[in-house]
Amino acid sequence: MARAERGFALLEVVVALAILSVVALALLQVVGAHVAAAALAAERERALWDEERLLTAHTLLSTADLDRRLGMRDVGLYLVTVQRPERALYRIAVSRAGMPGVEDLVTVVHRRGGASER
């Protein structure tokens, strides 16, 4: 093998290694982005479970208890807003404390009668 051919073969190996390095770096970035997205999704799912439990607990309250909770209240990392748009209806919304304008979960519950009945 001539000396020029050996140099050309070495150049081909260096170029191939450079291409493989770029591909490997791109693959690592994609995997890293996937891991970050999965962690964010898991954290958001946990938050939604907490919000769902809060909403369920508030829907089980009596009329008197709902009347005492009218307005917006901090409950740990969340805000619970209880409104009474009509005499027998209560609107309950749960949002994250850092984003009070964005309601994640909302429901409306009906309670018969006044403050003494459930």
Protein backbone atom coordinates (compact mmCIF):
# COMPACT_ATOMS: atom_id res chain seq x y z
CA MET A 1 0.00 0.00 0.00
CA ALA A 2 1.47 3.34 -1.02
CA ARG A 3 2.04 6.07 1.50
CA ALA A 4 -0.62 8.35 -0.09
CA GLU A 5 -3.20 5.57 0.08
CA ARG A 6 -2.52 5.06 3.80
CA GLY A 7 -3.00 8.79 4.43
CA PHE A 8 -6.27 8.75 2.49
CA ALA A 9 -7.53 5.75 4.50
CA LEU A 10 -6.68 7.56 7.74
CA LEU A 11 -8.59 10.63 6.52
CA GLU A 12 -11.63 8.43 5.74
CA VAL A 13 -11.53 6.97 9.28
CA VAL A 14 -11.33 10.44 10.85
CA VAL A 15 -14.29 11.67 8.78
CA ALA A 16 -16.31 8.56 9.67
CA LEU A 17 -15.56 9.08 13.38
CA ALA A 18 -16.61 12.72 13.12
CA ILE A 19 -19.92 11.74 11.51
CA LEU A 20 -20.53 9.09 14.16
CA SER A 21 -19.76 11.62 16.90
CA VAL A 22 -22.28 14.10 15.50
CA VAL A 23 -24.94 11.39 15.22
CA ALA A 24 -24.23 10.15 18.76
CA LEU A 25 -24.48 13.71 20.14
CA ALA A 26 -27.81 14.26 18.39
CA LEU A 27 -29.10 10.96 19.74
CA LEU A 28 -28.05 11.91 23.28
CA GLN A 29 -29.89 15.23 22.96
CA VAL A 30 -33.06 13.47 21.81
CA VAL A 31 -32.86 10.98 24.69
CA GLY A 32 -32.23 13.81 27.17
CA ALA A 33 -35.23 15.76 25.89
CA HIS A 34 -37.38 12.63 26.15
CA VAL A 35 -36.31 12.01 29.75
CA ALA A 36 -37.06 15.64 30.68
CA ALA A 37 -40.48 15.48 29.03
CA ALA A 38 -41.31 12.22 30.81
CA ALA A 39 -40.32 13.71 34.17
CA LEU A 40 -42.45 16.79 33.52
CA ALA A 41 -45.43 14.63 32.52
CA ALA A 42 -45.08 12.51 35.66
CA GLU A 43 -44.94 15.61 37.86
CA ARG A 44 -47.98 17.12 36.14
CA GLU A 45 -49.88 13.85 36.54
CA ARG A 46 -49.15 13.85 40.29
CA ALA A 47 -50.40 17.44 40.50
CA LEU A 48 -53.61 16.54 38.69
CA TRP A 49 -54.20 13.64 41.09
CA ASP A 50 -53.82 16.06 44.01
CA GLU A 51 -56.18 18.54 42.37
CA GLU A 52 -58.73 15.80 41.73
CA ARG A 53 -58.64 14.75 45.38
CA LEU A 54 -59.16 18.38 46.45
CA LEU A 55 -62.08 18.78 44.07
CA THR A 56 -63.67 15.52 45.23
CA ALA A 57 -63.31 16.51 48.89
CA HIS A 58 -65.01 19.86 48.22
CA THR A 59 -67.88 18.28 46.30
CA LEU A 60 -68.68 16.15 49.36
CA LEU A 61 -69.09 19.16 51.66
CA SER A 62 -72.48 20.22 52.98
CA THR A 63 -74.17 23.48 52.05
CA ALA A 64 -73.06 25.12 55.31
CA ASP A 65 -69.46 24.02 54.77
CA LEU A 66 -69.49 25.28 51.17
CA ASP A 67 -70.94 28.62 52.33
CA ARG A 68 -68.05 28.96 54.82
CA ARG A 69 -65.56 28.34 52.01
CA LEU A 70 -66.92 30.88 49.50
CA GLY A 71 -64.13 32.73 47.75
CA MET A 72 -60.54 31.79 46.90
CA ARG A 73 -58.40 29.90 49.42
CA ASP A 74 -54.86 28.54 49.46
CA VAL A 75 -54.75 24.80 50.06
CA GLY A 76 -51.09 23.86 50.03
CA LEU A 77 -49.75 24.29 46.50
CA TYR A 78 -53.23 24.90 45.07
CA LEU A 79 -56.00 27.48 45.05
CA VAL A 80 -59.60 26.37 45.56
CA THR A 81 -62.30 28.79 44.47
CA VAL A 82 -65.87 28.24 45.64
CA GLN A 83 -68.58 30.41 44.10
CA ARG A 84 -72.34 30.39 44.48
CA PRO A 85 -73.79 31.58 41.15
CA GLU A 86 -77.33 30.56 42.17
CA ARG A 87 -79.08 29.64 45.42
CA ALA A 88 -78.66 25.88 45.03
CA LEU A 89 -75.51 25.75 42.85
CA TYR A 90 -71.87 25.92 43.85
CA ARG A 91 -69.03 26.23 41.37
CA ILE A 92 -65.78 24.72 42.62
CA ALA A 93 -62.50 25.29 40.75
CA VAL A 94 -58.96 24.12 41.52
CA SER A 95 -55.84 25.78 40.12
CA ARG A 96 -52.14 25.86 40.91
CA ALA A 97 -51.07 28.59 43.34
CA GLY A 98 -48.61 30.08 40.85
CA MET A 99 -51.29 30.34 38.14
CA PRO A 100 -54.54 31.58 39.73
CA GLY A 101 -56.10 32.53 36.39
CA VAL A 102 -55.76 29.04 34.93
CA GLU A 103 -58.31 26.63 36.37
CA ASP A 104 -57.25 23.03 35.94
CA LEU A 105 -60.40 21.35 37.25
CA VAL A 106 -63.91 22.79 37.63
CA THR A 107 -67.25 21.34 38.65
CA VAL A 108 -70.68 22.54 39.68
CA VAL A 109 -72.57 20.88 42.52
CA HIS A 110 -76.21 21.19 43.49
CA ARG A 111 -77.36 21.45 47.09
CA ARG A 112 -81.05 21.62 48.00
CA GLY A 113 -82.39 24.12 50.49
CA GLY A 114 -80.64 26.68 52.61
CA ALA A 115 -77.50 26.63 54.71
CA SER A 116 -78.94 24.10 57.20
CA GLU A 117 -79.57 21.34 54.64
CA ARG A 118 -77.10 19.28 52.71
